[in-house]
Amino acid sequence: MNQKIAGVYFHSGKTSQFIACVLEYFSPGKRWVVDQIHFSNDGAKGVGESFEGWAKENKISDLVLNFPTTGTICDSCELVCPGEENCSHPIVKEMKDESQEFLKQDTIFEKESPKDYERERNKLNEYDHHRTPFSRSEKGTKVPLSKSLKKRLRRGFIPY
């Protein structure tokens, strides 16, 4: 079964353009292939009309967008805000705990075998057509976090 997903970047503004990259998954070879890169350039049409038409035309099954599609957790929170550090909202607590667990596992991997850790990090920077986009999240795999993600996790979770 083949499936198509699109990564879409919207510029700001009502009549703004969008840039999209369509990836198609071929199950027989277990490969993701760049099907097309699309730059919208029809400023006359509204971006909604042109984007919707483009998505239907290409039979896109999933989208990855450069903006949140839901409101923030803080928008619907009824609690008096103590700040992110002391927030007692269950979702915020869960995200903070999950972030700390990622950092903890990464630190353990780095301390236990620093050479393997650095080797794995360097390997992630190389292209490998056998690696799936979701291979990082497979259970039981030890994969180092990128430096930028580690920095963001250390700064703390921002609920928006």
Protein backbone atom coordinates (compact mmCIF):
# COMPACT_ATOMS: atom_id res chain seq x y z
CA MET A 1 0.00 0.00 0.00
CA ASN A 2 1.39 3.38 -0.99
CA GLN A 3 0.64 6.46 1.04
CA LYS A 4 1.47 10.14 0.59
CA ILE A 5 2.24 12.64 3.30
CA ALA A 6 3.08 16.30 2.90
CA GLY A 7 5.19 18.66 4.94
CA VAL A 8 3.78 22.15 4.46
CA TYR A 9 5.25 25.53 5.35
CA PHE A 10 2.84 28.47 5.31
CA HIS A 11 4.06 32.05 5.15
CA SER A 12 2.06 34.48 7.26
CA GLY A 13 -0.85 36.51 5.89
CA LYS A 14 -4.19 35.83 4.19
CA THR A 15 -2.92 35.84 0.62
CA SER A 16 0.40 34.26 1.48
CA GLN A 17 1.93 31.36 -0.33
CA PHE A 18 2.91 27.92 0.88
CA ILE A 19 5.74 25.51 0.20
CA ALA A 20 5.16 21.77 0.37
CA CYS A 21 7.16 18.59 0.03
CA VAL A 22 5.24 15.42 -0.77
CA LEU A 23 6.72 12.13 0.40
CA GLU A 24 5.36 8.83 -0.91
CA TYR A 25 5.82 5.55 0.93
CA PHE A 26 6.31 2.43 -1.15
CA SER A 27 5.60 -0.62 0.99
CA PRO A 28 7.24 -3.23 -1.31
CA GLY A 29 10.65 -1.55 -0.90
CA LYS A 30 9.82 0.01 2.51
CA ARG A 31 11.02 3.38 1.20
CA TRP A 32 9.95 6.99 1.46
CA VAL A 33 10.57 8.91 -1.75
CA VAL A 34 10.27 12.64 -2.41
CA ASP A 35 7.41 12.75 -4.88
CA GLN A 36 7.39 16.50 -5.46
CA ILE A 37 8.29 19.89 -4.06
CA HIS A 38 5.59 22.46 -4.59
CA PHE A 39 5.79 26.26 -4.41
CA SER A 40 2.39 27.93 -4.60
CA ASN A 41 2.46 31.11 -6.64
CA ASP A 42 -1.14 31.99 -7.25
CA GLY A 43 -1.62 35.19 -5.26
CA ALA A 44 -4.95 35.83 -6.99
CA LYS A 45 -6.64 32.87 -5.32
CA GLY A 46 -6.96 32.70 -1.57
CA VAL A 47 -4.40 30.43 0.06
CA GLY A 48 -7.20 28.21 1.42
CA GLU A 49 -8.62 27.51 -2.02
CA SER A 50 -5.26 26.84 -3.65
CA PHE A 51 -4.02 24.66 -0.76
CA GLU A 52 -7.21 22.63 -0.57
CA GLY A 53 -7.17 22.04 -4.32
CA TRP A 54 -3.51 21.06 -4.24
CA ALA A 55 -4.06 18.58 -1.37
CA LYS A 56 -7.03 16.94 -3.13
CA GLU A 57 -5.20 16.78 -6.44
CA ASN A 58 -2.23 14.99 -4.86
CA LYS A 59 -4.32 12.64 -2.68
CA ILE A 60 -2.47 13.56 0.52
CA SER A 61 -3.25 11.21 3.43
CA ASP A 62 -1.41 13.08 6.24
CA LEU A 63 -0.02 16.58 6.80
CA VAL A 64 2.84 17.94 8.86
CA LEU A 65 2.38 21.69 9.38
CA ASN A 66 4.63 24.46 10.66
CA PHE A 67 2.02 25.77 13.10
CA PRO A 68 -0.12 24.29 15.87
CA THR A 69 -3.58 23.14 14.81
CA THR A 70 -5.05 23.28 18.32
CA GLY A 71 -5.16 25.89 21.03
CA THR A 72 -2.61 25.94 23.83
CA ILE A 73 -3.12 24.09 27.06
CA CYS A 74 -3.07 27.40 28.90
CA ASP A 75 -6.01 28.73 26.84
CA SER A 76 -8.41 26.22 28.37
CA CYS A 77 -6.87 26.09 31.86
CA GLU A 78 -9.07 27.30 34.71
CA LEU A 79 -6.29 27.36 37.33
CA VAL A 80 -4.54 30.46 38.63
CA CYS A 81 -1.26 30.35 36.75
CA PRO A 82 1.75 29.70 39.00
CA GLY A 83 4.09 29.67 36.01
CA GLU A 84 5.40 26.76 33.97
CA GLU A 85 7.84 25.59 36.65
CA ASN A 86 5.12 25.10 39.27
CA CYS A 87 2.16 24.25 37.03
CA SER A 88 -0.07 21.48 38.38
CA HIS A 89 -2.02 20.86 35.16
CA PRO A 90 -1.77 17.11 34.41
CA ILE A 91 -0.77 17.53 30.76
CA VAL A 92 1.97 20.03 31.60
CA LYS A 93 3.24 17.75 34.37
CA GLU A 94 3.23 14.79 31.99
CA MET A 95 5.19 16.72 29.34
CA LYS A 96 7.75 17.91 31.90
CA ASP A 97 8.16 14.36 33.23
CA GLU A 98 8.50 12.97 29.71
CA SER A 99 11.11 15.61 28.82
CA GLN A 100 13.09 14.80 31.95
CA GLU A 101 12.91 11.07 31.15
CA PHE A 102 14.26 11.69 27.63
CA LEU A 103 17.15 13.70 29.08
CA LYS A 104 17.80 11.07 31.76
CA GLN A 105 17.92 8.19 29.24
CA ASP A 106 20.16 10.23 26.95
CA THR A 107 22.55 11.06 29.80
CA ILE A 108 22.70 7.40 30.87
CA PHE A 109 23.51 6.34 27.30
CA GLU A 110 26.15 9.07 27.02
CA LYS A 111 27.81 8.15 30.37
CA GLU A 112 27.68 4.35 29.88
CA SER A 113 29.31 4.33 26.46
CA PRO A 114 30.49 7.73 25.25
CA LYS A 115 32.13 6.36 22.10
CA ASP A 116 28.98 4.48 21.03
CA TYR A 117 26.94 7.56 21.84
CA GLU A 118 29.07 9.79 19.60
CA ARG A 119 29.19 7.12 16.88
CA GLU A 120 25.37 6.87 16.88
CA ARG A 121 25.03 10.65 16.81
CA ASN A 122 27.36 10.86 13.80
CA LYS A 123 25.51 8.00 12.09
CA LEU A 124 22.21 9.92 12.42
CA ASN A 125 23.77 12.77 10.44
CA GLU A 126 24.41 10.43 7.51
CA TYR A 127 21.78 9.41 4.98
CA ASP A 128 20.56 5.82 5.24
CA HIS A 129 17.78 4.71 2.91
CA HIS A 130 16.96 1.74 5.19
CA ARG A 131 16.15 3.97 8.15
CA THR A 132 12.47 4.84 8.52
CA PRO A 133 11.30 8.28 9.68
CA PHE A 134 9.98 6.61 12.84
CA SER A 135 13.05 4.53 13.73
CA ARG A 136 13.94 6.88 16.58
CA SER A 137 10.74 6.05 18.41
CA GLU A 138 11.02 2.25 18.25
CA LYS A 139 11.01 0.72 21.73
CA GLY A 140 14.31 -0.54 23.06
CA THR A 141 16.53 1.48 20.72
CA LYS A 142 19.20 3.71 22.19
CA VAL A 143 19.32 6.81 20.05
CA PRO A 144 21.09 10.00 21.12
CA LEU A 145 19.10 13.21 21.19
CA SER A 146 20.22 15.98 18.87
CA LYS A 147 22.09 18.83 20.52
CA SER A 148 19.35 21.32 19.67
CA LEU A 149 16.60 19.11 21.14
CA LYS A 150 18.61 18.56 24.31
CA LYS A 151 19.04 22.31 24.68
CA ARG A 152 15.30 22.89 24.25
CA LEU A 153 14.39 20.16 26.73
CA ARG A 154 16.80 21.55 29.32
CA ARG A 155 15.28 25.02 28.99
CA GLY A 156 11.93 23.56 29.94
CA PHE A 157 8.61 22.66 28.39
CA ILE A 158 6.56 25.55 27.03
CA PRO A 159 2.90 24.55 26.74
CA TYR A 160 2.28 26.48 23.51
